[in-house]
């Protein structure tokens, strides 16, 4: 999802609903070092899922700090990020119907 090739992608497992078993599923993005990003953009092949951006300083989490508000994702989505300078950002999917696919993630 970060290789610059929109034909490749990361995908979730298939879920009818995960609200009874967990509060979401996510893709961790490594910024390479601690840095404050102003925006994170996603291109997807499966519009309609709901996600927020969370932040943390370990690839394993925790990702407790929400830095990009929850929104329903279309073919593309852009989050303005606030309040953190972590190394790791997570696209945290909180609602989906079946499967979510993230084709490309870019940050600035």
C-alpha atoms as a PDB file:
ATOM      1  CA  UNK A   1       0.000   0.000   0.000  1.00  0.00           C
ATOM      2  CA  UNK A   2       3.026   2.303   0.136  1.00  0.00           C
ATOM      3  CA  UNK A   3       4.949   1.098  -2.930  1.00  0.00           C
ATOM      4  CA  UNK A   4       3.719   3.773  -5.363  1.00  0.00           C
ATOM      5  CA  UNK A   5       1.872   1.142  -7.427  1.00  0.00           C
ATOM      6  CA  UNK A   6      -1.931   1.526  -7.227  1.00  0.00           C
ATOM      7  CA  UNK A   7      -2.410  -1.947  -8.754  1.00  0.00           C
ATOM      8  CA  UNK A   8      -1.030  -3.580  -5.590  1.00  0.00           C
ATOM      9  CA  UNK A   9      -2.915  -3.414  -2.296  1.00  0.00           C
ATOM     10  CA  UNK A  10      -3.389  -4.468   1.317  1.00  0.00           C
ATOM     11  CA  UNK A  11      -6.675  -6.103   2.222  1.00  0.00           C
ATOM     12  CA  UNK A  12      -8.486  -7.024   5.407  1.00  0.00           C
ATOM     13  CA  UNK A  13      -9.898 -10.441   6.087  1.00  0.00           C
ATOM     14  CA  UNK A  14     -13.567 -10.782   5.189  1.00  0.00           C
ATOM     15  CA  UNK A  15     -15.939  -9.653   7.944  1.00  0.00           C
ATOM     16  CA  UNK A  16     -19.709  -9.552   8.099  1.00  0.00           C
ATOM     17  CA  UNK A  17     -19.267  -7.543  11.284  1.00  0.00           C
ATOM     18  CA  UNK A  18     -16.507  -7.366  13.838  1.00  0.00           C
ATOM     19  CA  UNK A  19     -18.255  -5.157  16.350  1.00  0.00           C
ATOM     20  CA  UNK A  20     -18.866  -8.162  18.621  1.00  0.00           C
ATOM     21  CA  UNK A  21     -15.271  -9.413  18.513  1.00  0.00           C
ATOM     22  CA  UNK A  22     -13.048  -6.319  18.181  1.00  0.00           C
ATOM     23  CA  UNK A  23     -13.277  -2.564  17.723  1.00  0.00           C
ATOM     24  CA  UNK A  24     -11.491  -2.466  14.377  1.00  0.00           C
ATOM     25  CA  UNK A  25      -8.655  -3.625  12.168  1.00  0.00           C
ATOM     26  CA  UNK A  26      -5.825  -1.578  10.758  1.00  0.00           C
ATOM     27  CA  UNK A  27      -2.887  -1.061   8.460  1.00  0.00           C
ATOM     28  CA  UNK A  28       0.267   0.292  10.112  1.00  0.00           C
ATOM     29  CA  UNK A  29       2.302   2.827   8.129  1.00  0.00           C
ATOM     30  CA  UNK A  30       5.933   3.435   9.154  1.00  0.00           C
ATOM     31  CA  UNK A  31       7.047   7.064   8.675  1.00  0.00           C
ATOM     32  CA  UNK A  32      10.701   5.943   9.039  1.00  0.00           C
ATOM     33  CA  UNK A  33      11.289   8.130  12.088  1.00  0.00           C
ATOM     34  CA  UNK A  34       9.241  10.234  14.485  1.00  0.00           C
ATOM     35  CA  UNK A  35       7.682  13.006  12.458  1.00  0.00           C
ATOM     36  CA  UNK A  36       4.637  15.182  12.478  1.00  0.00           C
ATOM     37  CA  UNK A  37       2.697  14.676   9.272  1.00  0.00           C
ATOM     38  CA  UNK A  38       0.050  17.145   8.175  1.00  0.00           C
ATOM     39  CA  UNK A  39      -1.952  14.851   5.868  1.00  0.00           C
ATOM     40  CA  UNK A  40      -2.460  11.199   5.084  1.00  0.00           C
ATOM     41  CA  UNK A  41      -4.202  10.140   1.850  1.00  0.00           C
ATOM     42  CA  UNK A  42      -5.661   6.766   0.937  1.00  0.00           C
ATOM     43  CA  UNK A  43      -6.737   5.344  -2.409  1.00  0.00           C
ATOM     44  CA  UNK A  44      -8.966   2.289  -2.147  1.00  0.00           C
ATOM     45  CA  UNK A  45     -10.614  -0.304  -4.350  1.00  0.00           C
ATOM     46  CA  UNK A  46     -13.475  -0.792  -1.884  1.00  0.00           C
ATOM     47  CA  UNK A  47     -15.161   2.506  -1.007  1.00  0.00           C
ATOM     48  CA  UNK A  48     -17.673   2.653   1.828  1.00  0.00           C
ATOM     49  CA  UNK A  49     -15.691   1.566   4.874  1.00  0.00           C
ATOM     50  CA  UNK A  50     -15.242   3.845   7.888  1.00  0.00           C
ATOM     51  CA  UNK A  51     -11.763   4.624   9.214  1.00  0.00           C
ATOM     52  CA  UNK A  52      -9.805   6.989  11.398  1.00  0.00           C
ATOM     53  CA  UNK A  53      -6.075   7.612  11.715  1.00  0.00           C
ATOM     54  CA  UNK A  54      -4.372   6.638  14.954  1.00  0.00           C
ATOM     55  CA  UNK A  55      -0.772   7.149  16.022  1.00  0.00           C
ATOM     56  CA  UNK A  56       1.829   5.355  18.123  1.00  0.00           C
ATOM     57  CA  UNK A  57       5.572   4.939  18.611  1.00  0.00           C
ATOM     58  CA  UNK A  58       5.813   1.152  18.228  1.00  0.00           C
ATOM     59  CA  UNK A  59       4.869  -0.971  15.211  1.00  0.00           C
ATOM     60  CA  UNK A  60       3.014  -3.287  17.613  1.00  0.00           C
ATOM     61  CA  UNK A  61       1.045  -0.449  19.208  1.00  0.00           C
ATOM     62  CA  UNK A  62      -0.644   0.747  21.180  1.00  0.00           C
ATOM     63  CA  UNK A  63      -2.286   3.208  18.794  1.00  0.00           C
ATOM     64  CA  UNK A  64      -4.297   5.135  21.353  1.00  0.00           C
ATOM     65  CA  UNK A  65      -4.014   8.650  19.925  1.00  0.00           C
ATOM     66  CA  UNK A  66      -6.569   9.547  17.242  1.00  0.00           C
ATOM     67  CA  UNK A  67      -4.934  12.120  14.951  1.00  0.00           C
ATOM     68  CA  UNK A  68      -7.401  11.928  12.029  1.00  0.00           C
ATOM     69  CA  UNK A  69     -11.161  11.947  12.645  1.00  0.00           C
ATOM     70  CA  UNK A  70     -13.445   9.094  11.614  1.00  0.00           C
ATOM     71  CA  UNK A  71     -14.865   9.285   8.091  1.00  0.00           C
ATOM     72  CA  UNK A  72     -16.465   7.115   5.449  1.00  0.00           C
ATOM     73  CA  UNK A  73     -13.918   6.475   2.721  1.00  0.00           C
ATOM     74  CA  UNK A  74     -14.731   6.926  -0.979  1.00  0.00           C
ATOM     75  CA  UNK A  75     -12.308   5.931  -3.755  1.00  0.00           C
ATOM     76  CA  UNK A  76      -9.935   8.382  -2.081  1.00  0.00           C
ATOM     77  CA  UNK A  77      -9.833  10.006   1.333  1.00  0.00           C
ATOM     78  CA  UNK A  78      -7.606  12.665   2.859  1.00  0.00           C
ATOM     79  CA  UNK A  79      -7.181  13.206   6.583  1.00  0.00           C
ATOM     80  CA  UNK A  80      -5.752  16.386   8.061  1.00  0.00           C
ATOM     81  CA  UNK A  81      -3.635  15.137  10.956  1.00  0.00           C
ATOM     82  CA  UNK A  82      -3.285  16.911  14.274  1.00  0.00           C
ATOM     83  CA  UNK A  83      -1.685  16.449  17.635  1.00  0.00           C
ATOM     84  CA  UNK A  84       1.103  13.887  17.292  1.00  0.00           C
ATOM     85  CA  UNK A  85       4.641  13.319  16.053  1.00  0.00           C
ATOM     86  CA  UNK A  86       4.885   9.520  16.070  1.00  0.00           C
ATOM     87  CA  UNK A  87       6.804   7.141  13.854  1.00  0.00           C
ATOM     88  CA  UNK A  88       3.806   4.894  13.176  1.00  0.00           C
ATOM     89  CA  UNK A  89       0.368   5.786  11.859  1.00  0.00           C
ATOM     90  CA  UNK A  90      -2.516   3.338  11.552  1.00  0.00           C
ATOM     91  CA  UNK A  91      -5.448   3.452   9.180  1.00  0.00           C
ATOM     92  CA  UNK A  92      -7.914   2.064  11.728  1.00  0.00           C
ATOM     93  CA  UNK A  93     -11.020   0.609  10.059  1.00  0.00           C
ATOM     94  CA  UNK A  94     -13.983   0.662  12.421  1.00  0.00           C
ATOM     95  CA  UNK A  95     -16.810  -0.367  10.096  1.00  0.00           C
ATOM     96  CA  UNK A  96     -16.923  -2.313   6.857  1.00  0.00           C
ATOM     97  CA  UNK A  97     -19.225  -4.547   4.883  1.00  0.00           C
ATOM     98  CA  UNK A  98     -17.188  -7.568   3.889  1.00  0.00           C
ATOM     99  CA  UNK A  99     -13.644  -6.557   3.052  1.00  0.00           C
ATOM    100  CA  UNK A 100     -11.645  -3.334   2.802  1.00  0.00           C
ATOM    101  CA  UNK A 101      -8.779  -2.887   0.322  1.00  0.00           C
ATOM    102  CA  UNK A 102      -6.204  -0.097   0.550  1.00  0.00           C
ATOM    103  CA  UNK A 103      -4.356   0.391  -2.732  1.00  0.00           C
ATOM    104  CA  UNK A 104      -2.100   3.295  -1.864  1.00  0.00           C
ATOM    105  CA  UNK A 105      -1.183   5.454   1.130  1.00  0.00           C
ATOM    106  CA  UNK A 106       0.704   8.741   0.854  1.00  0.00           C
ATOM    107  CA  UNK A 107       1.646  11.232   3.542  1.00  0.00           C
ATOM    108  CA  UNK A 108       2.951  14.754   3.718  1.00  0.00           C
END
